[in-house]
PDB file of N, CA and C in Angstrom:
ATOM      1  N   MET A   1       0.818  -1.193   0.000  1.00  0.00           N
ATOM      2  CA  MET A   1       0.000   0.000   0.000  1.00  0.00           C
ATOM      3  C   MET A   1       0.858   1.252   0.000  1.00  0.00           C
ATOM      4  N   SER A   2       1.953   1.264   0.741  1.00  0.00           N
ATOM      5  CA  SER A   2       2.765   2.471   0.825  1.00  0.00           C
ATOM      6  C   SER A   2       3.400   2.821  -0.515  1.00  0.00           C
ATOM      7  N   GLU A   3       3.712   1.826  -1.343  1.00  0.00           N
ATOM      8  CA  GLU A   3       4.271   2.115  -2.664  1.00  0.00           C
ATOM      9  C   GLU A   3       3.232   2.800  -3.544  1.00  0.00           C
ATOM     10  N   ILE A   4       2.004   2.331  -3.491  1.00  0.00           N
ATOM     11  CA  ILE A   4       0.927   2.961  -4.258  1.00  0.00           C
ATOM     12  C   ILE A   4       0.714   4.382  -3.770  1.00  0.00           C
ATOM     13  N   LEU A   5       0.700   4.572  -2.464  1.00  0.00           N
ATOM     14  CA  LEU A   5       0.531   5.897  -1.886  1.00  0.00           C
ATOM     15  C   LEU A   5       1.653   6.821  -2.333  1.00  0.00           C
ATOM     16  N   SER A   6       2.873   6.333  -2.332  1.00  0.00           N
ATOM     17  CA  SER A   6       4.022   7.129  -2.730  1.00  0.00           C
ATOM     18  C   SER A   6       3.937   7.555  -4.200  1.00  0.00           C
ATOM     19  N   VAL A   7       3.611   6.625  -5.066  1.00  0.00           N
ATOM     20  CA  VAL A   7       3.512   6.936  -6.501  1.00  0.00           C
ATOM     21  C   VAL A   7       2.397   7.936  -6.753  1.00  0.00           C
ATOM     22  N   ALA A   8       1.230   7.704  -6.152  1.00  0.00           N
ATOM     23  CA  ALA A   8       0.091   8.601  -6.350  1.00  0.00           C
ATOM     24  C   ALA A   8       0.388   9.986  -5.793  1.00  0.00           C
ATOM     25  N   THR A   9       1.031  10.040  -4.632  1.00  0.00           N
ATOM     26  CA  THR A   9       1.365  11.326  -4.021  1.00  0.00           C
ATOM     27  C   THR A   9       2.258  12.135  -4.948  1.00  0.00           C
ATOM     28  N   LYS A  10       3.303  11.528  -5.462  1.00  0.00           N
ATOM     29  CA  LYS A  10       4.233  12.235  -6.334  1.00  0.00           C
ATOM     30  C   LYS A  10       3.564  12.654  -7.638  1.00  0.00           C
ATOM     31  N   GLU A  11       2.707  11.816  -8.165  1.00  0.00           N
ATOM     32  CA  GLU A  11       2.052  12.124  -9.436  1.00  0.00           C
ATOM     33  C   GLU A  11       1.058  13.273  -9.309  1.00  0.00           C
ATOM     34  N   PHE A  12       0.303  13.316  -8.230  1.00  0.00           N
ATOM     35  CA  PHE A  12      -0.776  14.286  -8.124  1.00  0.00           C
ATOM     36  C   PHE A  12      -0.440  15.548  -7.339  1.00  0.00           C
ATOM     37  N   ALA A  13       0.630  15.546  -6.559  1.00  0.00           N
ATOM     38  CA  ALA A  13       0.963  16.699  -5.715  1.00  0.00           C
ATOM     39  C   ALA A  13       1.104  17.988  -6.519  1.00  0.00           C
ATOM     40  N   ALA A  14       1.761  17.928  -7.638  1.00  0.00           N
ATOM     41  CA  ALA A  14       1.963  19.124  -8.461  1.00  0.00           C
ATOM     42  C   ALA A  14       0.649  19.666  -9.020  1.00  0.00           C
ATOM     43  N   LYS A  15      -0.385  18.847  -9.021  1.00  0.00           N
ATOM     44  CA  LYS A  15      -1.702  19.261  -9.522  1.00  0.00           C
ATOM     45  C   LYS A  15      -2.609  19.740  -8.388  1.00  0.00           C
ATOM     46  N   GLY A  16      -2.057  19.811  -7.179  1.00  0.00           N
ATOM     47  CA  GLY A  16      -2.829  20.276  -6.034  1.00  0.00           C
ATOM     48  C   GLY A  16      -3.722  19.225  -5.409  1.00  0.00           C
ATOM     49  N   VAL A  17      -3.487  17.965  -5.731  1.00  0.00           N
ATOM     50  CA  VAL A  17      -4.284  16.869  -5.179  1.00  0.00           C
ATOM     51  C   VAL A  17      -3.463  16.155  -4.113  1.00  0.00           C
ATOM     52  N   THR A  18      -4.014  16.041  -2.921  1.00  0.00           N
ATOM     53  CA  THR A  18      -3.327  15.324  -1.861  1.00  0.00           C
ATOM     54  C   THR A  18      -3.799  13.875  -1.840  1.00  0.00           C
ATOM     55  N   VAL A  19      -2.896  13.000  -1.443  1.00  0.00           N
ATOM     56  CA  VAL A  19      -3.193  11.563  -1.383  1.00  0.00           C
ATOM     57  C   VAL A  19      -2.737  11.055  -0.017  1.00  0.00           C
ATOM     58  N   ASN A  20      -3.689  10.567   0.748  1.00  0.00           N
ATOM     59  CA  ASN A  20      -3.407  10.061   2.083  1.00  0.00           C
ATOM     60  C   ASN A  20      -4.167   8.761   2.302  1.00  0.00           C
ATOM     61  N   ALA A  21      -3.807   8.060   3.349  1.00  0.00           N
ATOM     62  CA  ALA A  21      -4.498   6.815   3.686  1.00  0.00           C
ATOM     63  C   ALA A  21      -4.865   6.837   5.162  1.00  0.00           C
ATOM     64  N   ILE A  22      -5.948   6.161   5.483  1.00  0.00           N
ATOM     65  CA  ILE A  22      -6.348   5.978   6.875  1.00  0.00           C
ATOM     66  C   ILE A  22      -6.297   4.484   7.155  1.00  0.00           C
ATOM     67  N   ALA A  23      -5.594   4.112   8.222  1.00  0.00           N
ATOM     68  CA  ALA A  23      -5.468   2.714   8.628  1.00  0.00           C
ATOM     69  C   ALA A  23      -6.161   2.555   9.975  1.00  0.00           C
ATOM     70  N   PRO A  24      -7.452   2.218   9.959  1.00  0.00           N
ATOM     71  CA  PRO A  24      -8.169   2.118  11.229  1.00  0.00           C
ATOM     72  C   PRO A  24      -7.858   0.834  11.985  1.00  0.00           C
ATOM     73  N   GLY A  25      -7.931   0.935  13.272  1.00  0.00           N
ATOM     74  CA  GLY A  25      -7.810  -0.230  14.139  1.00  0.00           C
ATOM     75  C   GLY A  25      -9.197  -0.709  14.515  1.00  0.00           C
ATOM     76  N   PRO A  26      -9.326  -1.395  15.654  1.00  0.00           N
ATOM     77  CA  PRO A  26     -10.628  -1.930  16.044  1.00  0.00           C
ATOM     78  C   PRO A  26     -11.613  -0.816  16.391  1.00  0.00           C
ATOM     79  N   MET A  27     -12.718  -0.820  15.682  1.00  0.00           N
ATOM     80  CA  MET A  27     -13.762   0.180  15.867  1.00  0.00           C
ATOM     81  C   MET A  27     -14.991  -0.464  16.499  1.00  0.00           C
ATOM     82  N   GLU A  28     -15.790   0.349  17.131  1.00  0.00           N
ATOM     83  CA  GLU A  28     -17.085  -0.105  17.646  1.00  0.00           C
ATOM     84  C   GLU A  28     -17.962  -0.348  16.426  1.00  0.00           C
ATOM     85  N   SER A  29     -18.012  -1.604  15.993  1.00  0.00           N
ATOM     86  CA  SER A  29     -18.727  -1.941  14.759  1.00  0.00           C
ATOM     87  C   SER A  29     -19.161  -3.407  14.785  1.00  0.00           C
ATOM     88  N   PRO A  30     -20.131  -3.741  13.961  1.00  0.00           N
ATOM     89  CA  PRO A  30     -20.577  -5.136  13.909  1.00  0.00           C
ATOM     90  C   PRO A  30     -19.461  -6.112  13.539  1.00  0.00           C
ATOM     91  N   ILE A  31     -18.529  -5.708  12.696  1.00  0.00           N
ATOM     92  CA  ILE A  31     -17.468  -6.633  12.281  1.00  0.00           C
ATOM     93  C   ILE A  31     -16.588  -7.023  13.460  1.00  0.00           C
ATOM     94  N   VAL A  32     -16.243  -6.067  14.317  1.00  0.00           N
ATOM     95  CA  VAL A  32     -15.419  -6.385  15.492  1.00  0.00           C
ATOM     96  C   VAL A  32     -16.185  -7.325  16.418  1.00  0.00           C
ATOM     97  N   HIS A  33     -17.454  -7.040  16.613  1.00  0.00           N
ATOM     98  CA  HIS A  33     -18.257  -7.895  17.496  1.00  0.00           C
ATOM     99  C   HIS A  33     -18.492  -9.272  16.888  1.00  0.00           C
ATOM    100  N   SER A  34     -18.376  -9.385  15.572  1.00  0.00           N
ATOM    101  CA  SER A  34     -18.553 -10.703  14.947  1.00  0.00           C
ATOM    102  C   SER A  34     -17.300 -11.578  15.056  1.00  0.00           C
ATOM    103  N   VAL A  35     -16.135 -10.960  15.250  1.00  0.00           N
ATOM    104  CA  VAL A  35     -14.895 -11.748  15.325  1.00  0.00           C
ATOM    105  C   VAL A  35     -14.350 -11.895  16.751  1.00  0.00           C
ATOM    106  N   VAL A  36     -14.811 -11.046  17.663  1.00  0.00           N
ATOM    107  CA  VAL A  36     -14.378 -11.153  19.065  1.00  0.00           C
ATOM    108  C   VAL A  36     -15.585 -11.619  19.882  1.00  0.00           C
ATOM    109  N   PRO A  37     -15.520 -12.815  20.453  1.00  0.00           N
ATOM    110  CA  PRO A  37     -16.646 -13.314  21.260  1.00  0.00           C
ATOM    111  C   PRO A  37     -16.936 -12.389  22.443  1.00  0.00           C
ATOM    112  N   ASP A  38     -18.200 -12.300  22.814  1.00  0.00           N
ATOM    113  CA  ASP A  38     -18.602 -11.432  23.933  1.00  0.00           C
ATOM    114  C   ASP A  38     -17.779 -11.680  25.189  1.00  0.00           C
ATOM    115  N   GLU A  39     -17.504 -12.947  25.483  1.00  0.00           N
ATOM    116  CA  GLU A  39     -16.777 -13.264  26.718  1.00  0.00           C
ATOM    117  C   GLU A  39     -15.303 -12.842  26.657  1.00  0.00           C
ATOM    118  N   LYS A  40     -14.815 -12.500  25.478  1.00  0.00           N
ATOM    119  CA  LYS A  40     -13.416 -12.071  25.337  1.00  0.00           C
ATOM    120  C   LYS A  40     -13.282 -10.582  25.023  1.00  0.00           C
ATOM    121  N   MET A  41     -14.417  -9.894  24.869  1.00  0.00           N
ATOM    122  CA  MET A  41     -14.383  -8.486  24.459  1.00  0.00           C
ATOM    123  C   MET A  41     -13.673  -7.606  25.482  1.00  0.00           C
ATOM    124  N   GLU A  42     -13.933  -7.782  26.774  1.00  0.00           N
ATOM    125  CA  GLU A  42     -13.301  -6.935  27.790  1.00  0.00           C
ATOM    126  C   GLU A  42     -11.779  -7.080  27.757  1.00  0.00           C
ATOM    127  N   GLN A  43     -11.277  -8.298  27.633  1.00  0.00           N
ATOM    128  CA  GLN A  43      -9.830  -8.506  27.549  1.00  0.00           C
ATOM    129  C   GLN A  43      -9.271  -7.903  26.268  1.00  0.00           C
ATOM    130  N   PHE A  44     -10.009  -8.045  25.173  1.00  0.00           N
ATOM    131  CA  PHE A  44      -9.599  -7.454  23.894  1.00  0.00           C
ATOM    132  C   PHE A  44      -9.435  -5.938  24.052  1.00  0.00           C
ATOM    133  N   ILE A  45     -10.417  -5.304  24.669  1.00  0.00           N
ATOM    134  CA  ILE A  45     -10.376  -3.850  24.863  1.00  0.00           C
ATOM    135  C   ILE A  45      -9.242  -3.466  25.810  1.00  0.00           C
ATOM    136  N   GLN A  46      -8.972  -4.262  26.832  1.00  0.00           N
ATOM    137  CA  GLN A  46      -7.889  -3.955  27.767  1.00  0.00           C
ATOM    138  C   GLN A  46      -6.514  -4.003  27.098  1.00  0.00           C
ATOM    139  N   ASN A  47      -6.404  -4.705  25.998  1.00  0.00           N
ATOM    140  CA  ASN A  47      -5.138  -4.773  25.260  1.00  0.00           C
ATOM    141  C   ASN A  47      -4.920  -3.573  24.341  1.00  0.00           C
ATOM    142  N   ILE A  48      -5.909  -2.724  24.204  1.00  0.00           N
ATOM    143  CA  ILE A  48      -5.781  -1.492  23.424  1.00  0.00           C
ATOM    144  C   ILE A  48      -5.275  -0.415  24.379  1.00  0.00           C
ATOM    145  N   PRO A  49      -4.187   0.269  24.050  1.00  0.00           N
ATOM    146  CA  PRO A  49      -3.636   1.250  24.999  1.00  0.00           C
ATOM    147  C   PRO A  49      -4.628   2.291  25.520  1.00  0.00           C
ATOM    148  N   VAL A  50      -5.583   2.751  24.711  1.00  0.00           N
ATOM    149  CA  VAL A  50      -6.546   3.743  25.202  1.00  0.00           C
ATOM    150  C   VAL A  50      -7.747   3.098  25.900  1.00  0.00           C
ATOM    151  N   LYS A  51      -7.752   1.768  25.953  1.00  0.00           N
ATOM    152  CA  LYS A  51      -8.764   0.984  26.686  1.00  0.00           C
ATOM    153  C   LYS A  51     -10.190   1.173  26.161  1.00  0.00           C
ATOM    154  N   SER A  52     -10.331   1.344  24.850  1.00  0.00           N
ATOM    155  CA  SER A  52     -11.662   1.425  24.253  1.00  0.00           C
ATOM    156  C   SER A  52     -11.564   1.125  22.764  1.00  0.00           C
ATOM    157  N   LEU A  53     -12.703   0.774  22.193  1.00  0.00           N
ATOM    158  CA  LEU A  53     -12.791   0.636  20.744  1.00  0.00           C
ATOM    159  C   LEU A  53     -12.909   2.032  20.157  1.00  0.00           C
ATOM    160  N   GLY A  54     -12.509   2.172  18.915  1.00  0.00           N
ATOM    161  CA  GLY A  54     -12.604   3.458  18.249  1.00  0.00           C
ATOM    162  C   GLY A  54     -14.018   3.747  17.774  1.00  0.00           C
ATOM    163  N   SER A  55     -14.211   4.970  17.342  1.00  0.00           N
ATOM    164  CA  SER A  55     -15.512   5.424  16.867  1.00  0.00           C
ATOM    165  C   SER A  55     -15.470   5.618  15.354  1.00  0.00           C
ATOM    166  N   MET A  56     -16.459   5.060  14.668  1.00  0.00           N
ATOM    167  CA  MET A  56     -16.549   5.276  13.217  1.00  0.00           C
ATOM    168  C   MET A  56     -16.749   6.758  12.920  1.00  0.00           C
ATOM    169  N   HIS A  57     -17.363   7.481  13.855  1.00  0.00           N
ATOM    170  CA  HIS A  57     -17.542   8.922  13.702  1.00  0.00           C
ATOM    171  C   HIS A  57     -16.171   9.610  13.616  1.00  0.00           C
ATOM    172  N   PHE A  58     -15.212   9.163  14.416  1.00  0.00           N
ATOM    173  CA  PHE A  58     -13.869   9.750  14.393  1.00  0.00           C
ATOM    174  C   PHE A  58     -13.204   9.513  13.043  1.00  0.00           C
ATOM    175  N   ILE A  59     -13.404   8.327  12.465  1.00  0.00           N
ATOM    176  CA  ILE A  59     -12.857   8.042  11.139  1.00  0.00           C
ATOM    177  C   ILE A  59     -13.467   8.996  10.125  1.00  0.00           C
ATOM    178  N   ALA A  60     -14.779   9.177  10.190  1.00  0.00           N
ATOM    179  CA  ALA A  60     -15.456  10.083   9.256  1.00  0.00           C
ATOM    180  C   ALA A  60     -14.950  11.515   9.415  1.00  0.00           C
ATOM    181  N   GLU A  61     -14.762  11.960  10.650  1.00  0.00           N
ATOM    182  CA  GLU A  61     -14.252  13.311  10.890  1.00  0.00           C
ATOM    183  C   GLU A  61     -12.833  13.475  10.337  1.00  0.00           C
ATOM    184  N   THR A  62     -12.017  12.437  10.478  1.00  0.00           N
ATOM    185  CA  THR A  62     -10.652  12.489   9.952  1.00  0.00           C
ATOM    186  C   THR A  62     -10.667  12.566   8.427  1.00  0.00           C
ATOM    187  N   CYS A  63     -11.555  11.806   7.807  1.00  0.00           N
ATOM    188  CA  CYS A  63     -11.712  11.883   6.344  1.00  0.00           C
ATOM    189  C   CYS A  63     -12.103  13.294   5.932  1.00  0.00           C
ATOM    190  N   GLY A  64     -13.031  13.881   6.672  1.00  0.00           N
ATOM    191  CA  GLY A  64     -13.454  15.254   6.373  1.00  0.00           C
ATOM    192  C   GLY A  64     -12.307  16.239   6.490  1.00  0.00           C
ATOM    193  N   LEU A  65     -11.498  16.088   7.531  1.00  0.00           N
ATOM    194  CA  LEU A  65     -10.334  16.961   7.694  1.00  0.00           C
ATOM    195  C   LEU A  65      -9.376  16.810   6.522  1.00  0.00           C
ATOM    196  N   LEU A  66      -9.054  15.571   6.173  1.00  0.00           N
ATOM    197  CA  LEU A  66      -8.095  15.341   5.086  1.00  0.00           C
ATOM    198  C   LEU A  66      -8.615  15.837   3.741  1.00  0.00           C
ATOM    199  N   ALA A  67      -9.925  15.897   3.575  1.00  0.00           N
ATOM    200  CA  ALA A  67     -10.510  16.380   2.330  1.00  0.00           C
ATOM    201  C   ALA A  67     -10.674  17.896   2.314  1.00  0.00           C
ATOM    202  N   SER A  68     -10.414  18.547   3.423  1.00  0.00           N
ATOM    203  CA  SER A  68     -10.629  19.995   3.529  1.00  0.00           C
ATOM    204  C   SER A  68      -9.369  20.774   3.153  1.00  0.00           C
ATOM    205  N   PRO A  69      -9.536  22.063   2.864  1.00  0.00           N
ATOM    206  CA  PRO A  69      -8.373  22.916   2.585  1.00  0.00           C
ATOM    207  C   PRO A  69      -7.409  23.010   3.770  1.00  0.00           C
ATOM    208  N   ASN A  70      -7.895  22.753   4.990  1.00  0.00           N
ATOM    209  CA  ASN A  70      -7.036  22.820   6.177  1.00  0.00           C
ATOM    210  C   ASN A  70      -5.932  21.765   6.166  1.00  0.00           C
ATOM    211  N   ALA A  71      -6.066  20.745   5.335  1.00  0.00           N
ATOM    212  CA  ALA A  71      -5.053  19.692   5.262  1.00  0.00           C
ATOM    213  C   ALA A  71      -4.312  19.733   3.926  1.00  0.00           C
ATOM    214  N   GLY A  72      -4.293  20.881   3.295  1.00  0.00           N
ATOM    215  CA  GLY A  72      -3.670  21.009   1.977  1.00  0.00           C
ATOM    216  C   GLY A  72      -2.186  20.688   1.932  1.00  0.00           C
ATOM    217  N   PHE A  73      -1.508  20.734   3.067  1.00  0.00           N
ATOM    218  CA  PHE A  73      -0.074  20.440   3.104  1.00  0.00           C
ATOM    219  C   PHE A  73       0.188  19.015   3.562  1.00  0.00           C
ATOM    220  N   VAL A  74      -0.873  18.278   3.856  1.00  0.00           N
ATOM    221  CA  VAL A  74      -0.745  16.891   4.296  1.00  0.00           C
ATOM    222  C   VAL A  74      -0.915  15.994   3.075  1.00  0.00           C
ATOM    223  N   THR A  75       0.149  15.337   2.674  1.00  0.00           N
ATOM    224  CA  THR A  75       0.054  14.402   1.557  1.00  0.00           C
ATOM    225  C   THR A  75       1.106  13.310   1.717  1.00  0.00           C
ATOM    226  N   GLY A  76       0.760  12.120   1.264  1.00  0.00           N
ATOM    227  CA  GLY A  76       1.667  10.985   1.388  1.00  0.00           C
ATOM    228  C   GLY A  76       1.685  10.374   2.771  1.00  0.00           C
ATOM    229  N   ALA A  77       0.674  10.675   3.570  1.00  0.00           N
ATOM    230  CA  ALA A  77       0.645  10.206   4.960  1.00  0.00           C
ATOM    231  C   ALA A  77      -0.346   9.069   5.147  1.00  0.00           C
ATOM    232  N   THR A  78      -0.006   8.187   6.057  1.00  0.00           N
ATOM    233  CA  THR A  78      -0.950   7.179   6.517  1.00  0.00           C
ATOM    234  C   THR A  78      -1.288   7.521   7.957  1.00  0.00           C
ATOM    235  N   TRP A  79      -2.554   7.726   8.206  1.00  0.00           N
ATOM    236  CA  TRP A  79      -3.017   8.060   9.550  1.00  0.00           C
ATOM    237  C   TRP A  79      -3.457   6.769  10.228  1.00  0.00           C
ATOM    238  N   ASP A  80      -2.715   6.362  11.241  1.00  0.00           N
ATOM    239  CA  ASP A  80      -3.038   5.160  12.009  1.00  0.00           C
ATOM    240  C   ASP A  80      -3.985   5.547  13.128  1.00  0.00           C
ATOM    241  N   ILE A  81      -5.239   5.152  12.989  1.00  0.00           N
ATOM    242  CA  ILE A  81      -6.261   5.490  13.989  1.00  0.00           C
ATOM    243  C   ILE A  81      -6.644   4.190  14.667  1.00  0.00           C
ATOM    244  N   ASN A  82      -5.890   3.870  15.734  1.00  0.00           N
ATOM    245  CA  ASN A  82      -6.030   2.531  16.304  1.00  0.00           C
ATOM    246  C   ASN A  82      -5.883   2.484  17.826  1.00  0.00           C
ATOM    247  N   GLY A  83      -5.988   3.618  18.478  1.00  0.00           N
ATOM    248  CA  GLY A  83      -5.919   3.623  19.933  1.00  0.00           C
ATOM    249  C   GLY A  83      -4.557   3.287  20.498  1.00  0.00           C
ATOM    250  N   GLY A  84      -3.525   3.372  19.678  1.00  0.00           N
ATOM    251  CA  GLY A  84      -2.163   3.102  20.137  1.00  0.00           C
ATOM    252  C   GLY A  84      -1.696   1.676  19.921  1.00  0.00           C
ATOM    253  N   LEU A  85      -2.493   0.850  19.235  1.00  0.00           N
ATOM    254  CA  LEU A  85      -2.071  -0.536  18.986  1.00  0.00           C
ATOM    255  C   LEU A  85      -0.850  -0.616  18.080  1.00  0.00           C
ATOM    256  N   PHE A  86      -0.733   0.312  17.151  1.00  0.00           N
ATOM    257  CA  PHE A  86       0.387   0.305  16.214  1.00  0.00           C
ATOM    258  C   PHE A  86       0.887   1.724  16.091  1.00  0.00           C
ATOM    259  N   MET A  87       2.180   1.912  16.319  1.00  0.00           N
ATOM    260  CA  MET A  87       2.764   3.248  16.221  1.00  0.00           C
ATOM    261  C   MET A  87       3.971   3.200  15.303  1.00  0.00           C
ATOM    262  N   ARG A  88       4.091   4.224  14.480  1.00  0.00           N
ATOM    263  CA  ARG A  88       5.236   4.321  13.560  1.00  0.00           C
ATOM    264  C   ARG A  88       6.308   5.174  14.173  1.00  0.00           C
TER     265      ARG A  88
END
């Protein structure tokens, strides 16, 4: 994915188009609840540094920010939104 991001960023930057990626971690969503059994959910959440599942609303807000003029200098970035599970 990072190679695609790099190529797209370089190709479109001169045209004023930013290219970024969002890498979400475990979110409060049906998919997470379908793969983590109820009896293991509390332990799963305790293993996340912020001790909670993420919010899909936060992902949407981040997308809105990246699409706005306020993020015009942000390009070629991957935003890891995962409660601290993975840090670069």
